Amino acid sequence: MSMRHKEKNVEGIERNFTMIRTLVGVGIALLLALVLIAAVSDQPWQALLGFLIGPFTSINRMGSVVEKAIPLVFTGTAVCVIFSCGQISLAVEGTFYLTGIACAAVATKTGIAAGFHPALCILAAGAAGAVICAIPAVMYIKFDTMTVVSSLMINFLCLHIGTYLMHYVMKDPAAGFDASAKYEKTARLSSLFPKTNIHTGLFIAVAVVVISYLALYKSAWGYGVRMTGENAKFARFSGIHVAKVVLTASMAGGFITGMGGAVEQLGMYKRFSYLGLPGHGWNGIMIAVLAQNNPKNVPLAVLFVAYISVGADVVNRTCDVPIEIINIVQAVIIMFVAADRFLIEWKRRKIVEMSQRAAALPQNMESR
């Protein structure tokens, strides 16, 4: 058996393992869901069906899946880029929040042409995101600071800076609550489908995924990023400028996050009105784990997370099941899907069996 053939067999086992692990994990989680729902609900089957197929029961609910997915595509892709260079940065959460305010500062300006206004908002938010996510990278490069700690603190800085800006600088007194002035119509992203809030930011999200995948896996820069993430010392020995790679990858992730913050604002809201961190960054980390830090896997991971989120909303509104139970079910499903070592022994046995068959084949040929 040729080496190329062996590699294809191993790749086939990897694909089967991922599919089987996902199906078994979802099956176990749904069994647990049935037990939990039966314990608290008078209509367990109705609640479980609502969770499983509820998002498909109306155009509005299917639209909600896509609406929830769009910001997660940006944050999930951004985390994939940052994590690929070995930086466990958590700054995407605060970055998404503060870049939304940067977008609002531009979106409320008058006299900007309709075709140019959204692009200017997205670029401003992207630039702000690149600067924010560069801070933990610079601290790591210059002072050997633990990125996971410094980036976590950045989130609190973003939150309090944003709260100050919204309360004392950008607040619209006519709104009656902490919110910016209304965005100009020239800045808003147009809707794509009636009866839904799906907007043209969907196309931007798709483009971000494609470009990020090509940059990470089809370019010399992407090779340097992935090599640095695998082994920074070896990358440095190989001639890769590790500090530059870490900084540029972090800034690229921040720029993508900022784009997401702007797209979400311009597509879903008429003014900035977040009262706290939105949670899209934390979900982006979960998306990146599910996607194994590969942007091409992000859309599927995002749709999975968005679907079960909408299913949870359906159950919470239509059945007598507390939202806490649904949150437990969501967490269990995601934990099983994301667990790298779940059913790992099955995969090892299959690889060993394949290797033994490959080793026995030449002996059988010789005996003939």
Protein backbone atom coordinates (compact mmCIF):
# COMPACT_ATOMS: atom_id res chain seq x y z
CA MET A 1 0.00 0.00 0.00
CA SER A 2 1.45 3.40 -1.02
CA MET A 3 2.03 6.18 1.47
CA ARG A 4 -0.49 8.33 -0.38
CA HIS A 5 -3.12 5.61 -0.08
CA LYS A 6 -2.44 5.27 3.65
CA GLU A 7 -2.86 9.02 4.11
CA LYS A 8 -6.22 8.90 2.33
CA ASN A 9 -7.36 6.05 4.57
CA VAL A 10 -6.36 7.97 7.69
CA GLU A 11 -8.20 11.05 6.40
CA GLY A 12 -11.28 8.90 5.82
CA ILE A 13 -11.09 7.60 9.39
CA GLU A 14 -10.77 11.18 10.66
CA ARG A 15 -13.87 12.25 8.74
CA ASN A 16 -15.89 9.27 9.95
CA PHE A 17 -14.69 9.86 13.49
CA THR A 18 -15.84 13.48 13.44
CA MET A 19 -19.25 12.54 12.05
CA ILE A 20 -19.80 9.62 14.46
CA ARG A 21 -18.56 11.60 17.46
CA THR A 22 -20.95 14.43 16.60
CA LEU A 23 -23.94 12.12 16.12
CA VAL A 24 -23.25 10.16 19.32
CA GLY A 25 -22.70 13.36 21.29
CA VAL A 26 -25.92 14.91 20.04
CA GLY A 27 -27.77 11.64 20.73
CA ILE A 28 -26.54 11.50 24.34
CA ALA A 29 -27.39 15.17 24.85
CA LEU A 30 -30.91 14.71 23.45
CA LEU A 31 -31.45 11.69 25.71
CA LEU A 32 -30.39 13.82 28.66
CA ALA A 33 -32.66 16.58 27.38
CA LEU A 34 -35.64 14.21 27.32
CA VAL A 35 -34.94 13.12 30.89
CA LEU A 36 -34.60 16.70 32.15
CA ILE A 37 -37.62 17.97 30.24
CA ALA A 38 -39.74 15.01 31.39
CA ALA A 39 -38.81 15.85 34.97
CA VAL A 40 -40.08 19.44 34.76
CA SER A 41 -42.67 19.48 31.97
CA ASP A 42 -46.14 18.06 31.50
CA GLN A 43 -45.51 17.89 27.73
CA PRO A 44 -41.96 16.54 27.32
CA TRP A 45 -42.38 15.29 23.74
CA GLN A 46 -43.84 18.58 22.58
CA ALA A 47 -40.98 20.47 24.21
CA LEU A 48 -38.33 18.18 22.69
CA LEU A 49 -39.90 18.46 19.22
CA GLY A 50 -40.01 22.22 19.62
CA PHE A 51 -36.31 22.23 20.42
CA LEU A 52 -35.44 19.96 17.46
CA ILE A 53 -37.70 21.26 14.69
CA GLY A 54 -39.03 24.53 16.09
CA PRO A 55 -36.67 26.71 14.00
CA PHE A 56 -38.09 25.15 10.82
CA THR A 57 -41.74 25.87 11.62
CA SER A 58 -41.89 29.43 10.25
CA ILE A 59 -40.07 31.82 7.95
CA ASN A 60 -39.51 34.17 10.84
CA ARG A 61 -37.79 31.49 12.93
CA MET A 62 -35.62 30.32 10.03
CA GLY A 63 -34.68 33.95 9.50
CA SER A 64 -33.75 34.18 13.18
CA VAL A 65 -31.23 31.37 12.71
CA VAL A 66 -29.46 33.32 9.97
CA GLU A 67 -29.71 36.58 11.91
CA LYS A 68 -28.05 35.00 14.94
CA ALA A 69 -25.44 33.38 12.71
CA ILE A 70 -24.15 36.51 10.97
CA PRO A 71 -22.27 38.11 13.92
CA LEU A 72 -20.99 34.70 15.02
CA VAL A 73 -19.38 34.17 11.61
CA PHE A 74 -17.24 37.25 12.19
CA THR A 75 -16.27 36.50 15.79
CA GLY A 76 -15.75 32.78 15.11
CA THR A 77 -13.50 33.51 12.12
CA ALA A 78 -11.60 36.16 14.07
CA VAL A 79 -10.89 33.74 16.92
CA CYS A 80 -9.77 31.09 14.40
CA VAL A 81 -7.18 33.50 13.01
CA ILE A 82 -5.90 34.57 16.44
CA PHE A 83 -5.86 31.08 17.94
CA SER A 84 -4.06 29.71 14.86
CA CYS A 85 -0.92 31.59 15.87
CA GLY A 86 -1.05 30.16 19.38
CA GLN A 87 -2.48 33.24 21.11
CA ILE A 88 -5.35 32.42 23.48
CA SER A 89 -6.80 35.90 23.26
CA LEU A 90 -10.22 36.60 24.78
CA ALA A 91 -10.35 40.22 23.65
CA VAL A 92 -12.83 39.56 20.84
CA GLU A 93 -15.77 40.01 23.23
CA GLY A 94 -14.85 43.53 24.31
CA THR A 95 -13.67 44.38 20.82
CA PHE A 96 -17.06 43.54 19.31
CA TYR A 97 -18.73 45.84 21.84
CA LEU A 98 -16.41 48.84 21.52
CA THR A 99 -16.17 48.65 17.72
CA GLY A 100 -19.95 48.84 17.62
CA ILE A 101 -19.61 52.25 19.30
CA ALA A 102 -16.91 53.23 16.79
CA CYS A 103 -19.33 52.29 14.03
CA ALA A 104 -22.10 54.32 15.69
CA ALA A 105 -19.85 57.39 15.81
CA VAL A 106 -19.54 57.29 12.02
CA ALA A 107 -23.06 56.03 11.27
CA THR A 108 -24.62 59.07 12.98
CA LYS A 109 -22.69 61.53 10.81
CA THR A 110 -24.67 63.33 8.13
CA GLY A 111 -23.73 64.27 4.59
CA ILE A 112 -21.96 61.02 3.64
CA ALA A 113 -22.93 59.35 0.37
CA ALA A 114 -25.14 56.26 0.67
CA GLY A 115 -22.76 53.90 -1.12
CA PHE A 116 -19.75 55.09 0.84
CA HIS A 117 -21.27 55.45 4.31
CA PRO A 118 -21.56 51.75 5.30
CA ALA A 119 -18.07 51.03 3.99
CA LEU A 120 -16.66 53.90 6.03
CA CYS A 121 -18.44 52.63 9.17
CA ILE A 122 -17.10 49.11 8.67
CA LEU A 123 -13.55 50.34 8.00
CA ALA A 124 -13.61 52.57 11.09
CA ALA A 125 -14.83 49.72 13.28
CA GLY A 126 -12.31 47.33 11.73
CA ALA A 127 -9.43 49.73 12.38
CA ALA A 128 -10.56 50.17 16.00
CA GLY A 129 -10.77 46.39 16.39
CA ALA A 130 -7.26 45.92 15.02
CA VAL A 131 -5.88 48.40 17.57
CA ILE A 132 -7.73 46.80 20.49
CA CYS A 133 -6.66 43.24 19.69
CA ALA A 134 -3.10 44.41 19.05
CA ILE A 135 -2.71 45.48 22.70
CA PRO A 136 -2.50 41.97 24.24
CA ALA A 137 -0.20 40.91 21.36
CA VAL A 138 2.18 43.82 21.99
CA MET A 139 2.19 43.08 25.72
CA TYR A 140 3.06 39.45 24.95
CA ILE A 141 5.84 40.42 22.53
CA LYS A 142 7.40 43.16 24.68
CA PHE A 143 6.81 41.95 28.22
CA ASP A 144 6.02 38.23 27.83
CA THR A 145 2.62 38.84 29.42
CA MET A 146 0.14 35.96 29.47
CA THR A 147 -2.23 36.78 26.62
CA VAL A 148 -5.19 35.05 28.21
CA VAL A 149 -4.93 37.36 31.23
CA SER A 150 -4.21 40.64 29.46
CA SER A 151 -6.91 40.03 26.85
CA LEU A 152 -9.46 39.25 29.56
CA MET A 153 -8.68 42.58 31.21
CA ILE A 154 -9.05 44.34 27.86
CA ASN A 155 -12.70 43.28 27.84
CA PHE A 156 -13.36 45.19 31.06
CA LEU A 157 -11.55 48.24 29.69
CA CYS A 158 -13.68 48.11 26.54
CA LEU A 159 -16.86 47.76 28.58
CA HIS A 160 -16.16 50.72 30.87
CA ILE A 161 -14.80 52.95 28.11
CA GLY A 162 -17.88 52.17 26.04
CA THR A 163 -20.22 52.78 28.99
CA TYR A 164 -18.57 56.17 29.61
CA LEU A 165 -18.87 57.17 25.94
CA MET A 166 -22.51 56.16 25.75
CA HIS A 167 -23.46 57.88 29.00
CA TYR A 168 -21.48 61.12 28.72
CA VAL A 169 -20.46 61.64 25.08
CA MET A 170 -22.75 59.93 22.57
CA LYS A 171 -26.03 59.64 24.47
CA ASP A 172 -29.10 60.96 22.67
CA PRO A 173 -31.21 62.82 25.30
CA ALA A 174 -34.32 62.29 23.19
CA ALA A 175 -33.96 58.50 23.34
CA GLY A 176 -34.93 58.29 27.01
CA PHE A 177 -32.22 55.69 27.75
CA ASP A 178 -28.50 55.18 27.19
CA ALA A 179 -28.34 55.04 23.41
CA SER A 180 -26.71 56.89 20.57
CA ALA A 181 -28.51 59.06 18.06
CA LYS A 182 -30.24 57.21 15.27
CA TYR A 183 -28.06 55.99 12.43
CA GLU A 184 -28.39 57.80 9.14
CA LYS A 185 -30.38 55.92 6.52
CA THR A 186 -27.36 56.15 4.22
CA ALA A 187 -25.40 54.01 6.70
CA ARG A 188 -27.90 51.17 7.15
CA LEU A 189 -27.50 47.80 5.42
CA SER A 190 -30.50 46.81 3.36
CA SER A 191 -32.73 43.84 4.11
CA LEU A 192 -32.61 40.80 1.83
CA PHE A 193 -35.86 38.93 2.52
CA PRO A 194 -39.31 40.06 3.65
CA LYS A 195 -40.56 38.99 7.09
CA THR A 196 -36.97 38.58 8.29
CA ASN A 197 -34.12 40.79 9.44
CA ILE A 198 -31.57 39.05 7.20
CA HIS A 199 -29.44 41.80 5.69
CA THR A 200 -26.66 42.26 3.15
CA GLY A 201 -24.09 41.75 5.88
CA LEU A 202 -24.57 38.07 5.10
CA PHE A 203 -22.56 38.52 1.90
CA ILE A 204 -19.79 40.30 3.81
CA ALA A 205 -19.70 37.43 6.31
CA VAL A 206 -19.33 34.86 3.52
CA ALA A 207 -16.53 36.91 1.94
CA VAL A 208 -14.72 37.12 5.29
CA VAL A 209 -14.81 33.33 5.69
CA VAL A 210 -13.47 32.71 2.18
CA ILE A 211 -10.71 35.31 2.41
CA SER A 212 -9.67 34.16 5.89
CA TYR A 213 -9.44 30.54 4.78
CA LEU A 214 -7.35 31.46 1.72
CA ALA A 215 -5.11 33.68 3.83
CA LEU A 216 -4.53 31.00 6.48
CA TYR A 217 -4.16 27.95 4.25
CA LYS A 218 -3.12 29.22 0.82
CA SER A 219 -0.56 31.93 1.57
CA ALA A 220 2.94 32.21 2.98
CA TRP A 221 1.63 34.46 5.76
CA GLY A 222 -0.94 31.84 6.76
CA TYR A 223 1.73 29.15 6.81
CA GLY A 224 3.78 31.31 9.18
CA VAL A 225 0.74 31.84 11.41
CA ARG A 226 -0.05 28.12 11.64
CA MET A 227 3.60 27.17 12.10
CA THR A 228 3.92 29.69 14.92
CA GLY A 229 0.82 28.24 16.54
CA GLU A 230 2.18 24.70 16.28
CA ASN A 231 5.67 25.44 17.59
CA ALA A 232 6.91 29.00 17.99
CA LYS A 233 10.50 27.95 18.67
CA PHE A 234 10.69 25.84 15.53
CA ALA A 235 9.05 28.63 13.53
CA ARG A 236 11.64 31.09 14.78
CA PHE A 237 14.44 28.63 13.95
CA SER A 238 12.96 28.25 10.45
CA GLY A 239 13.30 31.98 9.83
CA ILE A 240 9.73 33.07 10.57
CA HIS A 241 9.45 36.45 12.30
CA VAL A 242 7.29 35.18 15.17
CA ALA A 243 6.64 38.58 16.76
CA LYS A 244 5.44 40.02 13.46
CA VAL A 245 3.22 37.00 12.83
CA VAL A 246 1.64 37.23 16.29
CA LEU A 247 0.98 40.95 15.89
CA THR A 248 -0.45 40.75 12.37
CA ALA A 249 -2.64 37.73 13.18
CA SER A 250 -4.02 39.49 16.26
CA MET A 251 -4.69 42.66 14.29
CA ALA A 252 -6.35 40.67 11.49
CA GLY A 253 -8.61 38.99 14.04
CA GLY A 254 -9.42 42.37 15.58
CA PHE A 255 -10.20 43.86 12.18
CA ILE A 256 -12.59 41.00 11.39
CA THR A 257 -14.25 41.43 14.80
CA GLY A 258 -14.66 45.14 14.18
CA MET A 259 -16.24 44.44 10.82
CA GLY A 260 -18.67 42.11 12.58
CA GLY A 261 -19.51 44.73 15.19
CA ALA A 262 -20.28 47.27 12.46
CA VAL A 263 -22.26 44.86 10.30
CA GLU A 264 -24.41 43.82 13.26
CA GLN A 265 -25.15 47.44 14.13
CA LEU A 266 -25.91 48.59 10.60
CA GLY A 267 -27.97 45.53 9.74
CA MET A 268 -29.97 44.92 12.93
CA TYR A 269 -30.27 48.21 14.83
CA LYS A 270 -31.27 51.82 14.28
CA ARG A 271 -29.03 53.12 17.07
CA PHE A 272 -26.38 51.73 19.42
CA SER A 273 -28.10 50.59 22.61
CA TYR A 274 -26.06 47.73 24.13
CA LEU A 275 -26.20 47.87 27.91
CA GLY A 276 -23.27 45.46 28.31
CA LEU A 277 -21.05 43.01 26.51
CA PRO A 278 -23.22 41.18 23.93
CA GLY A 279 -21.70 37.71 24.29
CA HIS A 280 -20.84 37.30 20.61
CA GLY A 281 -17.13 37.12 21.40
CA TRP A 282 -17.55 34.33 23.93
CA ASN A 283 -19.68 32.44 21.42
CA GLY A 284 -16.98 33.10 18.83
CA ILE A 285 -14.49 31.20 20.99
CA MET A 286 -16.90 28.28 21.15
CA ILE A 287 -17.36 28.46 17.35
CA ALA A 288 -13.60 28.38 16.80
CA VAL A 289 -13.27 25.31 19.02
CA LEU A 290 -16.04 23.54 17.10
CA ALA A 291 -14.44 24.59 13.79
CA GLN A 292 -10.98 23.42 14.96
CA ASN A 293 -9.57 26.88 14.16
CA ASN A 294 -10.30 26.41 10.45
CA PRO A 295 -12.39 29.21 8.88
CA LYS A 296 -13.93 26.87 6.30
CA ASN A 297 -15.64 24.97 9.14
CA VAL A 298 -17.00 28.14 10.75
CA PRO A 299 -20.29 28.39 8.77
CA LEU A 300 -21.37 24.88 9.75
CA ALA A 301 -20.43 25.44 13.40
CA VAL A 302 -22.21 28.78 13.43
CA LEU A 303 -25.41 27.37 11.94
CA PHE A 304 -25.34 24.55 14.50
CA VAL A 305 -25.02 26.95 17.43
CA ALA A 306 -27.56 29.41 16.02
CA TYR A 307 -30.04 26.62 15.34
CA ILE A 308 -30.00 25.20 18.85
CA SER A 309 -30.18 28.75 20.23
CA VAL A 310 -33.36 29.46 18.26
CA GLY A 311 -34.72 26.04 19.25
CA ALA A 312 -34.15 26.98 22.88
CA ASP A 313 -36.03 30.25 22.36
CA VAL A 314 -38.94 28.37 20.79
CA VAL A 315 -39.21 25.97 23.73
CA ASN A 316 -38.95 28.79 26.25
CA ARG A 317 -41.81 30.68 24.61
CA THR A 318 -44.16 27.82 23.74
CA CYS A 319 -43.68 25.23 26.51
CA ASP A 320 -43.55 25.07 30.28
CA VAL A 321 -39.81 24.39 30.34
CA PRO A 322 -37.53 26.84 32.22
CA ILE A 323 -34.81 28.44 30.12
CA GLU A 324 -32.18 27.08 32.54
CA ILE A 325 -33.01 23.51 31.46
CA ILE A 326 -32.62 24.43 27.81
CA ASN A 327 -29.31 26.15 28.54
CA ILE A 328 -28.07 22.94 30.17
CA VAL A 329 -29.07 20.95 27.09
CA GLN A 330 -27.30 23.44 24.81
CA ALA A 331 -24.14 23.26 26.89
CA VAL A 332 -24.11 19.45 26.92
CA ILE A 333 -24.56 19.23 23.15
CA ILE A 334 -21.71 21.67 22.52
CA MET A 335 -19.41 19.99 25.05
CA PHE A 336 -19.80 16.59 23.41
CA VAL A 337 -19.31 18.00 19.91
CA ALA A 338 -16.25 20.00 20.95
CA ALA A 339 -14.62 17.26 23.04
CA ASP A 340 -11.53 16.17 21.11
CA ARG A 341 -10.99 13.04 23.22
CA PHE A 342 -14.60 11.83 23.15
CA LEU A 343 -14.52 8.36 21.46
CA ILE A 344 -10.80 8.83 20.79
CA GLU A 345 -10.11 5.14 21.48
CA TRP A 346 -12.45 4.15 18.63
CA LYS A 347 -10.43 6.28 16.22
CA ARG A 348 -7.14 4.82 17.46
CA ARG A 349 -8.39 1.26 17.02
CA LYS A 350 -9.48 1.99 13.47
CA ILE A 351 -6.10 3.51 12.59
CA VAL A 352 -4.27 0.55 14.15
CA GLU A 353 -6.45 -1.92 12.23
CA MET A 354 -5.83 -0.06 9.00
CA SER A 355 -2.08 -0.05 9.64
CA GLN A 356 -2.07 -3.77 10.42
CA ARG A 357 -3.94 -4.55 7.20
CA ALA A 358 -1.51 -2.39 5.26
CA ALA A 359 1.49 -4.19 6.85
CA ALA A 360 0.01 -7.62 6.16
CA LEU A 361 -0.70 -6.89 2.49
CA PRO A 362 2.93 -7.09 1.24
CA GLN A 363 3.44 -10.38 3.13
CA ASN A 364 0.37 -11.89 1.46
CA MET A 365 1.64 -10.77 -1.93
CA GLU A 366 5.05 -12.38 -1.28
CA SER A 367 3.49 -15.68 -0.20
CA ARG A 368 1.78 -15.91 -3.57
